[in-house]
Protein backbone atom coordinates (compact mmCIF):
# COMPACT_ATOMS: atom_id res chain seq x y z
CA MET A 1 23.83 -46.86 -13.37
CA SER A 2 26.83 -49.15 -13.68
CA LEU A 3 26.52 -52.93 -14.09
CA PRO A 4 30.15 -54.17 -14.22
CA ASP A 5 29.45 -57.35 -12.24
CA LEU A 6 26.55 -58.45 -14.45
CA PRO A 7 28.02 -60.00 -17.61
CA PRO A 8 25.62 -61.07 -20.35
CA ARG A 9 24.52 -64.70 -19.98
CA GLN A 10 22.25 -64.92 -23.00
CA ILE A 11 21.35 -63.03 -26.17
CA ALA A 12 17.73 -63.49 -27.23
CA TYR A 13 16.08 -62.83 -30.56
CA PHE A 14 12.35 -62.48 -31.14
CA VAL A 15 11.54 -64.53 -34.24
CA GLU A 16 8.58 -65.82 -36.20
CA ASP A 17 9.64 -69.49 -35.84
CA ALA A 18 12.08 -70.47 -33.07
CA LYS A 19 12.95 -73.86 -34.54
CA ALA A 20 13.63 -72.48 -38.03
CA ALA A 21 15.70 -69.62 -36.59
CA ALA A 22 17.82 -72.07 -34.57
CA ILE A 23 18.53 -74.18 -37.64
CA ARG A 24 19.39 -71.07 -39.68
CA HIS A 25 21.75 -69.79 -36.96
CA HIS A 26 23.45 -73.19 -36.75
CA ARG A 27 24.00 -73.24 -40.52
CA MET A 28 25.46 -69.74 -40.48
CA PHE A 29 27.54 -69.86 -37.28
CA GLY A 30 27.81 -73.50 -36.14
CA SER A 31 25.91 -72.80 -32.92
CA GLY A 32 23.92 -75.42 -31.06
CA PRO A 33 22.56 -77.98 -30.51
CA TYR A 34 19.28 -76.29 -29.66
CA TYR A 35 16.86 -77.31 -26.97
CA LEU A 36 13.27 -76.48 -27.93
CA SER A 37 10.61 -75.79 -25.32
CA GLU A 38 7.16 -75.24 -26.81
CA HIS A 39 4.28 -73.40 -25.15
CA ILE A 40 6.24 -72.62 -22.00
CA PRO A 41 3.74 -72.56 -19.10
CA LEU A 42 3.65 -69.44 -16.93
CA ALA A 43 1.93 -69.17 -13.57
CA THR A 44 1.90 -65.36 -13.79
CA SER A 45 2.63 -62.89 -16.55
CA LEU A 46 2.41 -59.18 -15.72
CA HIS A 47 2.93 -57.06 -18.82
CA ARG A 48 3.53 -53.49 -17.65
CA GLY A 49 1.65 -54.27 -14.44
CA VAL A 50 -1.36 -55.92 -16.13
CA GLN A 51 -1.95 -59.69 -15.98
CA ARG A 52 -1.92 -60.93 -19.59
CA PRO A 53 -1.54 -64.36 -21.15
CA LEU A 54 1.82 -65.12 -22.71
CA ASP A 55 2.28 -68.32 -24.68
CA HIS A 56 5.79 -68.57 -26.04
CA THR A 57 8.19 -71.11 -27.49
CA SER A 58 11.97 -70.89 -27.14
CA ALA A 59 15.00 -72.62 -28.63
CA TYR A 60 18.18 -72.44 -26.53
CA GLY A 61 21.68 -73.16 -27.82
CA GLN A 62 25.29 -72.17 -27.27
CA TRP A 63 27.26 -69.82 -29.51
CA GLY A 64 30.81 -69.52 -28.28
CA GLU A 65 30.71 -68.30 -24.68
CA VAL A 66 27.10 -67.16 -24.69
CA MET A 67 23.72 -68.85 -24.83
CA ILE A 68 21.45 -67.88 -27.70
CA GLU A 69 17.67 -67.94 -27.38
CA PHE A 70 15.19 -67.72 -30.23
CA VAL A 71 11.73 -66.93 -28.89
CA GLN A 72 8.39 -66.76 -30.65
CA GLN A 73 5.08 -65.59 -29.23
CA ASN A 74 2.30 -68.07 -29.97
CA ASN A 75 -0.67 -65.99 -28.85
CA ALA A 76 -1.96 -62.64 -30.05
CA GLY A 77 -2.01 -59.58 -27.87
CA PRO A 78 0.20 -57.14 -26.01
CA SER A 79 3.50 -58.35 -24.61
CA ALA A 80 7.07 -57.29 -23.96
CA PHE A 81 7.91 -58.83 -27.34
CA HIS A 82 5.25 -56.84 -29.17
CA ASP A 83 6.40 -53.69 -27.36
CA MET A 84 9.52 -53.78 -29.54
CA TYR A 85 8.17 -55.68 -32.53
CA PRO A 86 4.50 -54.83 -33.09
CA GLU A 87 2.13 -57.64 -33.88
CA ARG A 88 1.63 -58.27 -37.61
CA SER A 89 4.45 -55.83 -38.44
CA GLY A 90 6.61 -58.60 -39.89
CA ARG A 91 9.52 -57.20 -37.87
CA PHE A 92 11.76 -59.37 -35.71
CA GLY A 93 15.22 -59.07 -34.17
CA LEU A 94 17.31 -58.71 -31.04
CA HIS A 95 14.97 -58.53 -28.07
CA HIS A 96 16.93 -58.92 -24.84
CA VAL A 97 20.18 -59.73 -23.12
CA ALA A 98 19.86 -61.83 -19.97
CA LEU A 99 21.72 -61.16 -16.72
CA PHE A 100 22.01 -63.17 -13.50
CA VAL A 101 21.25 -60.98 -10.48
CA ASP A 102 21.42 -61.66 -6.74
CA SER A 103 17.93 -60.28 -6.16
CA ILE A 104 15.29 -59.59 -8.81
CA GLU A 105 13.39 -57.37 -6.37
CA GLN A 106 16.45 -55.27 -5.62
CA GLU A 107 17.42 -54.89 -9.28
CA ILE A 108 13.87 -54.07 -10.36
CA GLY A 109 13.86 -51.33 -7.72
CA ARG A 110 17.21 -50.04 -8.93
CA PHE A 111 16.12 -49.92 -12.57
CA GLU A 112 12.78 -48.30 -11.72
CA ALA A 113 14.62 -45.65 -9.66
CA GLU A 114 16.65 -44.90 -12.81
CA GLY A 115 13.41 -44.43 -14.80
CA TYR A 116 13.23 -47.79 -16.57
CA ALA A 117 9.86 -49.56 -16.82
CA ILE A 118 9.36 -53.24 -16.10
CA ALA A 119 7.90 -54.63 -19.33
CA LEU A 120 7.33 -58.14 -17.97
CA ASP A 121 7.37 -59.70 -14.52
CA ALA A 122 6.62 -63.42 -14.86
CA ALA A 123 6.93 -66.72 -13.06
CA MET A 124 6.89 -70.25 -14.38
CA ASN A 125 4.75 -72.94 -12.75
CA ASP A 126 7.71 -74.07 -10.62
CA GLY A 127 8.06 -70.53 -9.19
CA PHE A 128 11.08 -69.56 -11.30
CA ARG A 129 10.76 -65.79 -11.81
CA PHE A 130 12.15 -63.55 -14.52
CA ALA A 131 11.65 -59.93 -15.53
CA PHE A 132 12.23 -57.79 -18.62
CA VAL A 133 13.45 -54.25 -18.02
CA ASP A 134 12.64 -51.93 -20.91
CA THR A 135 16.04 -50.48 -21.75
CA SER A 136 15.22 -50.38 -25.47
CA ALA A 137 15.40 -46.58 -25.73
CA SER A 138 18.92 -46.48 -24.28
CA LEU A 139 20.38 -49.87 -25.30
CA GLY A 140 18.30 -50.91 -28.31
CA HIS A 141 17.07 -54.01 -26.48
CA MET A 142 15.55 -55.07 -23.18
CA LEU A 143 17.36 -56.71 -20.27
CA GLU A 144 16.12 -59.97 -18.76
CA LEU A 145 16.84 -60.45 -15.08
CA TYR A 146 16.80 -63.70 -13.17
CA GLU A 147 18.37 -65.20 -10.09
CA PRO A 148 20.80 -68.07 -10.78
CA GLN A 149 18.81 -70.90 -9.18
CA ASP A 150 20.19 -74.45 -9.43
CA VAL A 151 17.73 -75.57 -12.12
CA LEU A 152 18.71 -72.57 -14.27
CA THR A 153 22.47 -72.83 -13.82
CA GLN A 154 22.31 -76.58 -14.48
CA PHE A 155 20.39 -75.93 -17.71
CA TYR A 156 22.94 -73.30 -18.78
CA GLY A 157 25.73 -75.77 -17.99
CA MET A 158 24.08 -78.57 -20.00
CA VAL A 159 23.59 -76.31 -23.02
CA ALA A 160 27.20 -75.07 -22.85
CA GLN A 161 28.59 -78.57 -22.39
CA SER A 162 26.73 -79.89 -25.43
CA ALA A 163 28.01 -77.05 -27.64
CA GLY A 164 29.35 -78.15 -30.98
CA ASP A 165 27.52 -81.50 -30.90
CA PHE A 166 25.06 -80.49 -33.61
CA SER A 167 26.33 -82.49 -36.53
CA LYS A 168 22.88 -83.65 -37.58
CA GLY A 169 21.21 -80.28 -37.08
CA GLU A 170 18.96 -81.79 -34.42
CA ILE A 171 16.54 -79.86 -32.31
CA ILE A 172 15.96 -81.50 -28.92
CA ASP A 173 12.39 -81.07 -27.64
CA ILE A 174 12.35 -80.25 -23.92
CA SER A 175 8.79 -78.90 -23.82
CA MET A 176 7.25 -78.77 -20.38
CA ALA A 177 3.78 -80.08 -21.16
């Protein structure tokens, strides 16, 4: 399988504390500012085909040409995050690289035909859908797929445009309560 037209849009790390990780990354690399969304609501969350709750918090910021995400899982139990970093193991690290695709359905079918499992197929309350393809055995991380809807591309643009404006080390809360 060749993916030359799907450049990475985001690098995401699974962490214990998204806010603390964002501040640490800023101090080390000058990335940010970071936009924090706590307890991101999901309408559906299929982990390996089984409906499971997933409560997560993410911090999003810009690092050069790419968005960085720090994501923490707030609830216990199986998930695409715990597939790579088992619960209570104390292990964290690179989890996924995100790609914009024309059709999630088509790309899921293509990856499944190549033997890759879908670790997560989820939708937010507004219908925005994303999926994690388990490419960890071949790439060392998963791939996140999503279609570049206006709300998403506008968010990416806002984060990129604000890059470098992190002089106070602020975290901007954008939680969708």
